[in-house]
Protein backbone atom coordinates (compact mmCIF):
# COMPACT_ATOMS: atom_id res chain seq x y z
CA UNK A 1 86.37 98.72 124.68
CA UNK A 2 85.11 99.32 121.16
CA UNK A 3 84.20 102.86 120.14
CA UNK A 4 80.51 103.12 119.29
CA UNK A 5 80.25 104.84 115.92
CA UNK A 6 77.17 105.86 113.98
CA UNK A 7 77.83 106.38 110.29
CA UNK A 8 75.61 108.12 107.77
CA UNK A 9 76.16 106.55 104.35
CA UNK A 10 76.72 103.00 103.10
CA UNK A 11 77.34 103.10 99.35
CA UNK A 12 79.93 105.83 98.75
CA UNK A 13 83.61 105.08 98.31
CA UNK A 14 84.64 106.24 101.78
CA UNK A 15 81.50 104.77 103.38
CA UNK A 16 82.29 101.32 102.04
CA UNK A 17 85.88 101.50 103.21
CA UNK A 18 84.82 102.58 106.69
CA UNK A 19 82.48 99.62 106.94
CA UNK A 20 85.10 97.22 105.63
CA UNK A 21 87.91 98.41 107.91
CA UNK A 22 85.97 99.07 111.13
CA UNK A 23 86.50 95.61 112.70
CA UNK A 24 90.28 95.92 112.36
CA UNK A 25 90.20 99.17 114.34
CA UNK A 26 88.04 97.88 117.22
CA UNK A 27 85.17 100.10 116.13
CA UNK A 28 81.56 99.03 116.64
CA UNK A 29 80.12 100.74 113.58
CA UNK A 30 76.45 101.09 112.71
CA UNK A 31 75.99 102.39 109.17
CA UNK A 32 72.71 103.95 108.09
CA UNK A 33 71.61 103.77 104.46
CA UNK A 34 69.69 106.51 102.67
CA UNK A 35 66.50 104.54 103.26
CA UNK A 36 67.20 104.61 107.00
CA UNK A 37 68.41 108.23 107.20
CA UNK A 38 67.85 110.38 104.14
CA UNK A 39 69.81 113.62 104.42
CA UNK A 40 67.20 115.27 102.21
CA UNK A 41 65.12 115.25 105.43
CA UNK A 42 67.65 116.84 107.82
CA UNK A 43 65.68 116.81 111.06
CA UNK A 44 64.54 113.23 110.64
CA UNK A 45 68.10 112.12 109.88
CA UNK A 46 69.41 113.99 112.91
CA UNK A 47 67.01 112.15 115.21
CA UNK A 48 68.97 108.98 114.52
CA UNK A 49 71.80 110.36 116.64
CA UNK A 50 69.60 110.53 119.74
CA UNK A 51 68.20 107.07 118.98
CA UNK A 52 71.62 105.39 118.76
CA UNK A 53 73.55 107.46 121.35
CA UNK A 54 76.97 106.91 119.73
CA UNK A 55 80.31 108.16 120.98
CA UNK A 56 81.30 109.27 117.50
CA UNK A 57 79.31 110.13 114.39
CA UNK A 58 80.84 109.92 110.91
CA UNK A 59 78.95 111.83 108.25
CA UNK A 60 80.06 110.02 105.09
CA UNK A 61 77.03 110.75 102.91
CA UNK A 62 76.70 113.84 100.72
CA UNK A 63 75.35 115.27 97.49
CA UNK A 64 78.35 114.90 95.15
CA UNK A 65 76.97 115.50 91.64
CA UNK A 66 79.07 118.61 91.01
CA UNK A 67 77.57 119.64 87.67
CA UNK A 68 74.00 118.72 88.57
CA UNK A 69 74.25 120.84 91.70
CA UNK A 70 74.18 123.92 89.48
CA UNK A 71 70.49 123.22 88.82
CA UNK A 72 69.62 121.13 91.91
CA UNK A 73 71.02 123.69 94.31
CA UNK A 74 68.12 123.45 96.79
CA UNK A 75 68.59 119.71 97.18
CA UNK A 76 72.38 120.00 97.30
CA UNK A 77 72.12 122.64 100.03
CA UNK A 78 69.69 120.55 102.06
CA UNK A 79 71.95 117.48 101.94
CA UNK A 80 75.34 119.20 102.16
CA UNK A 81 74.56 122.07 104.52
CA UNK A 82 71.25 121.77 106.36
CA UNK A 83 71.57 118.07 107.22
CA UNK A 84 75.15 118.31 108.53
CA UNK A 85 74.09 121.27 110.66
CA UNK A 86 71.15 119.36 112.11
CA UNK A 87 73.29 116.29 112.80
CA UNK A 88 75.95 118.47 114.43
CA UNK A 89 73.34 119.95 116.77
CA UNK A 90 72.20 116.46 117.69
CA UNK A 91 75.80 115.42 118.39
CA UNK A 92 76.31 118.40 120.66
CA UNK A 93 73.11 117.56 122.55
CA UNK A 94 74.06 113.95 123.25
CA UNK A 95 77.81 114.49 123.69
CA UNK A 96 79.02 112.69 120.57
CA UNK A 97 82.02 113.83 118.56
CA UNK A 98 81.52 114.29 114.81
CA UNK A 99 83.58 113.73 111.67
CA UNK A 100 82.35 115.53 108.58
CA UNK A 101 83.94 115.26 105.12
CA UNK A 102 84.39 118.30 102.90
CA UNK A 103 86.24 119.16 99.71
CA UNK A 104 88.97 121.15 98.01
CA UNK A 105 86.16 122.77 96.02
CA UNK A 106 85.69 125.29 98.84
CA UNK A 107 88.74 127.05 97.30
CA UNK A 108 88.96 128.88 93.97
CA UNK A 109 92.27 127.32 92.96
CA UNK A 110 94.15 130.56 92.34
CA UNK A 111 96.77 130.09 95.07
CA UNK A 112 100.21 129.14 93.76
CA UNK A 113 101.00 127.08 96.86
CA UNK A 114 99.00 124.32 98.53
CA UNK A 115 95.99 125.42 100.56
CA UNK A 116 96.23 125.50 104.35
CA UNK A 117 93.11 124.83 106.44
CA UNK A 118 92.93 128.49 107.49
CA UNK A 119 93.24 129.97 104.00
CA UNK A 120 90.42 132.12 102.67
CA UNK A 121 87.69 130.12 100.94
CA UNK A 122 86.01 131.09 97.69
CA UNK A 123 84.05 128.30 96.00
CA UNK A 124 83.47 128.59 92.26
CA UNK A 125 80.40 126.38 91.99
CA UNK A 126 77.18 125.50 93.80
CA UNK A 127 78.57 122.21 95.10
CA UNK A 128 81.51 123.99 96.72
CA UNK A 129 79.21 126.63 98.16
CA UNK A 130 76.95 124.03 99.78
CA UNK A 131 79.90 122.11 101.19
CA UNK A 132 81.38 125.28 102.66
CA UNK A 133 78.07 126.17 104.25
CA UNK A 134 77.97 122.66 105.67
CA UNK A 135 81.42 123.14 107.21
CA UNK A 136 80.32 126.34 108.89
CA UNK A 137 77.09 124.91 110.22
CA UNK A 138 78.88 121.88 111.64
CA UNK A 139 81.58 123.90 113.37
CA UNK A 140 79.08 126.42 114.73
CA UNK A 141 76.82 123.74 116.17
CA UNK A 142 79.27 121.18 117.55
CA UNK A 143 82.48 122.15 119.40
CA UNK A 144 83.75 118.57 119.08
CA UNK A 145 83.59 118.36 115.30
CA UNK A 146 86.38 117.44 112.89
CA UNK A 147 85.91 118.66 109.33
CA UNK A 148 88.17 116.82 106.89
CA UNK A 149 88.70 118.37 103.49
CA UNK A 150 89.90 115.91 100.88
CA UNK A 151 90.32 115.74 97.10
CA UNK A 152 90.16 113.46 94.07
CA UNK A 153 88.89 110.41 95.98
CA UNK A 154 89.31 107.04 94.26
CA UNK A 155 88.97 103.38 95.19
CA UNK A 156 88.16 99.96 93.78
CA UNK A 157 84.46 100.67 94.38
CA UNK A 158 81.78 102.65 92.60
CA UNK A 159 82.35 105.21 89.88
CA UNK A 160 85.61 107.12 89.93
CA UNK A 161 88.45 108.40 87.78
CA UNK A 162 90.60 105.26 87.99
CA UNK A 163 87.83 102.96 86.80
CA UNK A 164 86.84 105.40 84.06
CA UNK A 165 90.40 105.50 82.73
CA UNK A 166 90.66 101.70 82.70
CA UNK A 167 87.37 101.49 80.82
CA UNK A 168 88.58 103.98 78.21
CA UNK A 169 91.81 102.06 77.78
CA UNK A 170 89.82 98.90 77.17
CA UNK A 171 87.74 100.60 74.49
CA UNK A 172 90.87 101.39 72.52
CA UNK A 173 89.97 104.89 71.37
CA UNK A 174 92.02 108.07 71.76
CA UNK A 175 92.27 109.34 75.34
CA UNK A 176 92.56 113.04 76.14
CA UNK A 177 92.55 114.28 79.72
CA UNK A 178 92.55 117.74 81.28
CA UNK A 179 96.11 118.87 81.98
CA UNK A 180 95.57 122.27 83.64
CA UNK A 181 93.79 121.20 86.83
CA UNK A 182 96.03 120.08 89.69
CA UNK A 183 95.39 118.31 92.97
CA UNK A 184 96.31 115.47 95.30
CA UNK A 185 94.59 112.13 94.64
CA UNK A 186 93.19 110.41 97.73
CA UNK A 187 92.61 106.73 98.37
CA UNK A 188 89.24 106.17 100.03
CA UNK A 189 90.86 103.29 101.90
CA UNK A 190 93.60 105.53 103.29
CA UNK A 191 91.13 108.23 104.29
CA UNK A 192 88.86 105.72 106.02
CA UNK A 193 91.82 104.11 107.76
CA UNK A 194 92.96 107.48 109.05
CA UNK A 195 89.55 108.31 110.51
CA UNK A 196 89.11 104.91 112.13
CA UNK A 197 92.61 104.99 113.60
CA UNK A 198 91.61 108.22 115.40
CA UNK A 199 88.14 107.09 116.52
CA UNK A 200 89.10 106.51 120.15
CA UNK A 201 91.01 109.77 120.40
CA UNK A 202 88.15 111.74 118.88
CA UNK A 203 85.57 110.10 121.11
CA UNK A 204 87.58 110.99 124.23
CA UNK A 205 88.86 114.46 123.28
CA UNK A 206 87.34 117.54 124.83
CA UNK A 207 86.24 120.67 123.02
CA UNK A 208 89.22 122.82 122.17
CA UNK A 209 91.50 119.86 121.42
CA UNK A 210 93.45 120.46 118.18
CA UNK A 211 92.00 117.27 116.69
CA UNK A 212 88.81 119.26 116.13
CA UNK A 213 88.27 122.02 113.61
CA UNK A 214 89.29 121.87 109.95
CA UNK A 215 91.99 119.50 108.74
CA UNK A 216 93.14 118.36 105.30
CA UNK A 217 93.81 114.76 104.25
CA UNK A 218 95.06 113.64 100.84
CA UNK A 219 97.73 111.28 99.60
CA UNK A 220 101.15 112.81 99.10
CA UNK A 221 102.17 114.26 95.77
CA UNK A 222 100.63 116.75 93.36
CA UNK A 223 99.59 115.92 89.82
CA UNK A 224 97.25 116.95 87.01
CA UNK A 225 94.31 114.84 85.88
CA UNK A 226 96.41 113.86 82.86
CA UNK A 227 99.32 112.93 85.10
CA UNK A 228 96.94 110.88 87.23
CA UNK A 229 95.70 109.06 84.14
CA UNK A 230 99.24 108.35 83.02
CA UNK A 231 99.97 106.91 86.47
CA UNK A 232 96.94 104.63 86.21
CA UNK A 233 98.05 103.29 82.83
CA UNK A 234 101.71 102.90 83.77
CA UNK A 235 100.91 100.89 86.89
CA UNK A 236 98.06 98.86 85.38
CA UNK A 237 99.25 98.27 81.83
CA UNK A 238 103.01 98.80 81.79
CA UNK A 239 104.36 98.65 78.24
CA UNK A 240 100.79 98.47 76.93
CA UNK A 241 99.88 101.85 78.42
CA UNK A 242 98.08 104.07 75.88
CA UNK A 243 99.14 107.60 75.04
CA UNK A 244 97.27 110.27 76.98
CA UNK A 245 96.69 113.49 75.09
CA UNK A 246 96.38 116.82 76.88
CA UNK A 247 93.29 118.99 76.80
CA UNK A 248 92.60 122.33 78.44
CA UNK A 249 89.69 122.89 80.80
CA UNK A 250 88.42 125.61 78.44
CA UNK A 251 88.16 123.04 75.65
CA UNK A 252 85.88 120.81 77.72
CA UNK A 253 83.29 123.15 79.25
CA UNK A 254 81.00 121.91 82.01
CA UNK A 255 78.13 123.47 83.98
CA UNK A 256 80.26 123.81 87.13
CA UNK A 257 83.59 125.64 87.20
CA UNK A 258 86.42 123.66 88.81
CA UNK A 259 89.40 125.14 90.70
CA UNK A 260 92.61 125.01 88.67
CA UNK A 261 94.74 124.17 91.73
CA UNK A 262 92.86 122.41 94.49
CA UNK A 263 96.06 121.22 96.15
CA UNK A 264 95.62 120.64 99.90
CA UNK A 265 98.41 121.09 102.45
CA UNK A 266 98.29 118.28 105.02
CA UNK A 267 101.15 119.42 107.28
CA UNK A 268 98.86 120.47 110.16
CA UNK A 269 97.06 117.12 110.05
CA UNK A 270 100.39 115.31 110.08
CA UNK A 271 101.55 117.29 113.11
CA UNK A 272 98.36 116.98 115.16
CA UNK A 273 97.56 113.34 114.42
CA UNK A 274 101.06 111.98 113.86
CA UNK A 275 100.22 110.62 110.43
CA UNK A 276 102.06 110.83 107.12
CA UNK A 277 99.84 110.15 104.09
CA UNK A 278 101.68 107.89 101.65
CA UNK A 279 102.33 108.87 98.00
CA UNK A 280 99.31 108.66 95.76
CA UNK A 281 101.05 106.25 93.38
CA UNK A 282 101.53 103.74 96.22
CA UNK A 283 97.87 104.02 97.15
CA UNK A 284 96.90 103.70 93.49
CA UNK A 285 98.93 100.50 93.17
CA UNK A 286 96.84 98.93 95.94
CA UNK A 287 93.59 99.99 94.25
CA UNK A 288 94.70 98.48 90.95
CA UNK A 289 95.76 95.26 92.69
CA UNK A 290 92.32 95.01 94.28
CA UNK A 291 90.60 95.58 90.96
CA UNK A 292 92.77 92.92 89.34
CA UNK A 293 91.99 90.43 92.09
CA UNK A 294 88.27 91.09 91.73
CA UNK A 295 88.49 90.60 87.96
CA UNK A 296 90.31 87.30 88.39
CA UNK A 297 87.76 86.12 90.95
CA UNK A 298 84.74 87.29 88.95
CA UNK A 299 85.73 87.35 85.27
CA UNK A 300 83.22 88.97 82.91
């Protein structure tokens, strides 16, 4: 029998992948757009849970404008903290399990090793603060909640680092990318596939099961933003790959401070769920192949 899933979000990278892959995982997914459930109105959005009575809720919508959150903190907090808390309470009331996505930005990036789920948090910016508050509200309100922290999400959809790099390469100008921030790139398709593959288990699991709580998911392998860019060009352009110059974070100031090392350790996730995220370069190759196929089908 299909798992009944209610999803908040339809246009984000992970949202689109969840919608696309749901049929292959025997998931009956209903996705709510912002017009149908605006997280800026937390209580109204939460009422959708009672209306649909799902077995599993996936909260795949969020306020993600990291720099803008420094000035739109009230809105960011409402969407990233208050709304997840309200939805979590609604899930607890109707017996639904909940998946909520969070970020490596809950850490300050000063740890030399990869971050474990239980490591101390210390966000450096308003976005990270609101996401951390959202984590806490979700876990406090719903004992059957899975919080998934991820990092550097990319796909063939929407705006993201991969598509930006390809655009810059096409423009032909010099390319300089930050080389002192490190993380693990994550394919939205892989993240969505992981969640959907666990939908039945999450829907059936009782409170206290190790599938709930905080887990990390990211593709395998650590790199810098510059290294990521070089990987994009090598796989997409081969011998025609442009040179990528290095730039320090301090030389490209932004309103929000980013962690220098937001590297997530996924070993606990691998042990509990029996998954092994593939290398980020393999995931990237699939994204580039999809973009190429789209370009060939719909040439400019």
